[in-house]
Protein backbone atom coordinates (compact mmCIF):
# COMPACT_ATOMS: atom_id res chain seq x y z
CA MET A 1 68.08 87.59 136.36
CA THR A 2 69.87 90.70 137.48
CA GLU A 3 73.53 91.46 136.97
CA ASP A 4 74.12 90.84 140.69
CA ASN A 5 73.20 87.17 140.40
CA ALA A 6 74.01 86.54 136.74
CA THR A 7 75.98 83.42 135.99
CA PRO A 8 79.53 83.88 134.71
CA GLN A 9 78.90 81.97 131.48
CA ALA A 10 76.29 83.42 129.16
CA GLY A 11 73.54 81.00 128.26
CA TYR A 12 73.97 78.82 131.36
CA GLN A 13 71.68 78.65 134.31
CA ALA A 14 72.18 77.35 137.83
CA ARG A 15 69.46 76.55 140.33
CA ARG A 16 68.69 79.51 142.51
CA THR A 17 67.91 77.35 145.55
CA GLN A 18 69.88 75.08 147.84
CA GLY A 19 69.59 71.34 147.43
CA PRO A 20 71.00 68.41 145.52
CA LEU A 21 70.74 70.23 142.18
CA ALA A 22 72.25 73.55 143.29
CA HIS A 23 75.67 72.69 141.81
CA ILE A 24 74.33 71.80 138.35
CA ARG A 25 74.96 74.38 135.60
CA ARG A 26 73.39 73.66 132.25
CA PRO A 27 72.36 75.65 129.17
CA LYS A 28 69.21 77.71 129.74
CA LEU A 29 67.42 75.98 126.88
CA LEU A 30 68.00 72.54 128.45
CA ILE A 31 66.71 73.74 131.83
CA ARG A 32 63.73 75.48 130.25
CA ALA A 33 62.78 72.36 128.27
CA ALA A 34 63.02 70.22 131.41
CA ARG A 35 60.89 72.64 133.42
CA LEU A 36 58.22 72.57 130.73
CA GLY A 37 58.27 68.78 130.78
CA LEU A 38 57.65 68.62 134.53
CA ALA A 39 53.92 69.16 133.97
CA ASP A 40 53.66 65.88 132.03
CA TYR A 41 56.01 63.80 134.20
CA SER A 42 54.46 60.75 135.84
CA ARG A 43 56.75 58.97 138.27
CA SER A 44 55.02 55.61 137.88
CA ARG A 45 54.96 55.84 134.09
CA ASP A 46 58.29 57.49 133.32
CA LEU A 47 60.91 56.81 135.99
CA LYS A 48 61.52 53.10 135.34
CA ARG A 49 61.94 53.78 131.62
CA ILE A 50 64.24 56.75 132.12
CA MET A 51 66.38 55.00 134.74
CA ARG A 52 66.19 51.65 132.92
CA VAL A 53 65.21 49.74 136.07
CA ALA A 54 62.52 47.13 136.83
CA THR A 55 61.18 48.65 140.06
CA LEU A 56 60.71 52.22 141.21
CA PRO A 57 63.54 53.33 143.51
CA ALA A 58 63.07 55.59 146.50
CA PRO A 59 63.45 59.29 145.65
CA THR A 60 66.85 59.51 147.37
CA ARG A 61 68.25 56.63 145.33
CA ALA A 62 66.60 57.97 142.16
CA VAL A 63 68.18 61.40 142.60
CA ARG A 64 71.62 59.92 143.25
CA ASP A 65 71.45 57.70 140.17
CA LEU A 66 69.93 60.41 137.98
CA ILE A 67 72.67 62.87 138.99
CA ALA A 68 75.27 60.32 137.86
CA THR A 69 73.41 59.61 134.61
CA GLU A 70 72.97 63.30 133.88
CA ALA A 71 76.66 63.99 134.53
CA GLU A 72 77.59 61.34 131.95
CA MET A 73 75.13 62.85 129.49
CA GLU A 74 76.53 66.34 130.07
CA GLU A 75 80.02 65.06 129.40
CA GLY A 76 78.78 63.54 126.15
CA ARG A 77 77.10 66.82 125.20
CA GLN A 78 80.22 68.85 125.89
CA THR A 79 82.55 66.49 124.04
CA GLY A 80 80.26 66.07 121.04
CA LEU A 81 79.82 62.33 121.57
CA SER A 82 78.03 60.86 118.55
CA THR A 83 75.66 58.84 120.76
CA TYR A 84 74.53 61.89 122.75
CA SER A 85 70.75 62.38 122.69
CA VAL A 86 69.33 65.76 123.63
CA ILE A 87 65.89 64.12 123.98
CA ARG A 88 67.20 61.65 126.56
CA HIS A 89 69.11 64.43 128.33
CA VAL A 90 65.90 66.45 128.68
CA GLU A 91 64.04 63.35 129.95
CA VAL A 92 66.73 62.71 132.56
CA MET A 93 66.65 66.36 133.64
CA ILE A 94 62.83 66.24 133.96
CA ALA A 95 63.04 63.13 136.14
CA LEU A 96 65.88 64.61 138.19
CA MET A 97 63.97 67.82 138.87
CA ALA A 98 60.76 65.94 139.73
CA GLU A 99 62.50 63.45 142.01
CA ALA A 100 64.43 66.21 143.79
CA LYS A 101 61.08 67.79 144.72
CA LEU A 102 60.15 64.55 146.52
CA LEU A 103 63.21 64.62 148.76
CA PRO A 104 62.88 65.67 152.37
CA GLN A 105 64.74 68.87 153.18
CA GLY A 106 68.36 68.06 153.90
CA PRO A 107 71.49 66.62 152.31
CA LEU A 108 71.68 63.49 150.19
CA ASP A 109 74.45 62.03 152.29
CA GLY A 110 72.15 60.20 154.70
CA PRO A 111 71.49 56.47 154.60
CA ALA A 112 70.53 55.10 151.19
CA GLU A 113 66.86 54.30 150.64
CA GLY A 114 65.28 51.73 148.36
């Protein structure tokens, strides 16, 4: 990353592309761990467990719900909540990144799927 596009807070990384995750800023280590986990992510195996649902949602619904879950986890991380789990946070980030790749190009504000 060059100084021209460096993030204002050291140690934090934002997505370099447009899309539903472009606004998310998280520590580089969290993003790096999630990116490494993408190779082992299996939607059919992992998503129901991570989202704690009985059936697989459509990618649009999954991304919306995962964004909300991740925001709650980030709040817990920042406030030092005793129940915060970095392992679960990484799992949610992996799922969020993988599901975002399944979205058609365009905003998330269209009709809800699944």
